[in-house]
């Protein structure tokens, strides 16, 4: 049995601009996941209520971390959202 392995892109190979853009993209994607989970929670029944609550809590913790990471390197989240929308 043989497997083909491909080299993954190493984070150190990315420029600071690419890393910052990826961080902003992840923040925006996480906000979308939270919003989607919140909308689904409103119509959830039974055990799905627990699932959407857990998803929102986990994604909020992730978002808090990402925002603090962005602030620590001097990126304003509002500025990042504007730049990301501008690039679309």
Protein backbone atom coordinates (compact mmCIF):
# COMPACT_ATOMS: atom_id res chain seq x y z
CA UNK A 1 0.00 0.00 0.00
CA UNK A 2 1.58 3.25 -1.08
CA UNK A 3 0.57 6.76 -0.19
CA UNK A 4 1.37 9.99 -1.90
CA UNK A 5 2.42 12.80 0.39
CA UNK A 6 2.38 16.42 -0.64
CA UNK A 7 4.21 19.22 1.09
CA UNK A 8 1.91 21.53 2.95
CA UNK A 9 2.51 25.27 2.89
CA UNK A 10 4.48 26.13 5.99
CA UNK A 11 3.30 29.21 7.82
CA UNK A 12 6.84 30.63 7.94
CA UNK A 13 6.83 30.79 4.13
CA UNK A 14 4.05 33.38 4.18
CA UNK A 15 4.64 37.10 4.26
CA UNK A 16 3.37 39.22 7.15
CA UNK A 17 0.70 40.64 4.86
CA UNK A 18 -0.51 37.13 3.96
CA UNK A 19 -0.57 36.11 7.63
CA UNK A 20 -2.55 39.23 8.56
CA UNK A 21 -5.03 38.69 5.72
CA UNK A 22 -5.47 35.06 6.73
CA UNK A 23 -6.10 36.14 10.33
CA UNK A 24 -8.74 38.64 9.21
CA UNK A 25 -10.37 36.06 6.94
CA UNK A 26 -10.53 33.63 9.86
CA UNK A 27 -12.08 36.29 12.11
CA UNK A 28 -14.76 37.06 9.52
CA UNK A 29 -15.44 33.38 8.90
CA UNK A 30 -15.76 32.74 12.65
CA UNK A 31 -18.24 35.63 12.98
CA UNK A 32 -20.29 34.07 10.18
CA UNK A 33 -20.31 30.67 11.90
CA UNK A 34 -21.51 32.30 15.14
CA UNK A 35 -24.23 34.17 13.29
CA UNK A 36 -25.37 31.02 11.45
CA UNK A 37 -25.43 29.02 14.70
CA UNK A 38 -27.45 31.78 16.36
CA UNK A 39 -30.00 31.77 13.53
CA UNK A 40 -30.26 27.97 13.63
CA UNK A 41 -30.56 28.02 17.42
CA UNK A 42 -33.73 30.09 17.14
CA UNK A 43 -35.46 27.24 15.30
CA UNK A 44 -33.72 24.28 16.96
CA UNK A 45 -35.54 21.58 18.86
CA UNK A 46 -34.42 18.89 21.26
CA UNK A 47 -30.74 18.04 21.33
CA UNK A 48 -29.97 20.50 18.55
CA UNK A 49 -30.43 23.30 21.07
CA UNK A 50 -27.41 21.98 23.01
CA UNK A 51 -25.43 21.58 19.80
CA UNK A 52 -25.97 25.18 18.67
CA UNK A 53 -25.28 26.53 22.16
CA UNK A 54 -22.01 24.59 22.26
CA UNK A 55 -21.08 25.78 18.76
CA UNK A 56 -21.75 29.42 19.63
CA UNK A 57 -19.75 29.17 22.87
CA UNK A 58 -16.80 27.42 21.22
CA UNK A 59 -16.72 29.79 18.25
CA UNK A 60 -17.00 32.82 20.56
CA UNK A 61 -13.94 31.61 22.50
CA UNK A 62 -12.11 31.20 19.18
CA UNK A 63 -13.19 34.69 18.07
CA UNK A 64 -12.03 36.25 21.36
CA UNK A 65 -8.61 34.64 20.88
CA UNK A 66 -8.32 35.73 17.25
CA UNK A 67 -9.31 39.32 18.05
CA UNK A 68 -6.78 39.53 20.88
CA UNK A 69 -4.14 38.10 18.52
CA UNK A 70 -5.03 40.73 15.90
CA UNK A 71 -4.88 43.53 18.47
CA UNK A 72 -1.52 42.32 19.80
CA UNK A 73 0.02 42.70 16.34
CA UNK A 74 -1.65 46.06 15.75
CA UNK A 75 -4.51 45.11 13.46
CA UNK A 76 -7.84 46.82 14.00
CA UNK A 77 -10.70 44.39 13.39
CA UNK A 78 -12.87 47.17 11.96
CA UNK A 79 -10.06 48.15 9.57
CA UNK A 80 -9.63 44.52 8.59
CA UNK A 81 -13.31 44.10 7.83
CA UNK A 82 -13.21 47.22 5.64
CA UNK A 83 -10.12 45.99 3.78
CA UNK A 84 -11.59 42.53 3.33
CA UNK A 85 -14.84 43.92 1.90
CA UNK A 86 -12.85 46.25 -0.33
CA UNK A 87 -10.88 43.31 -1.77
CA UNK A 88 -14.03 41.34 -2.68
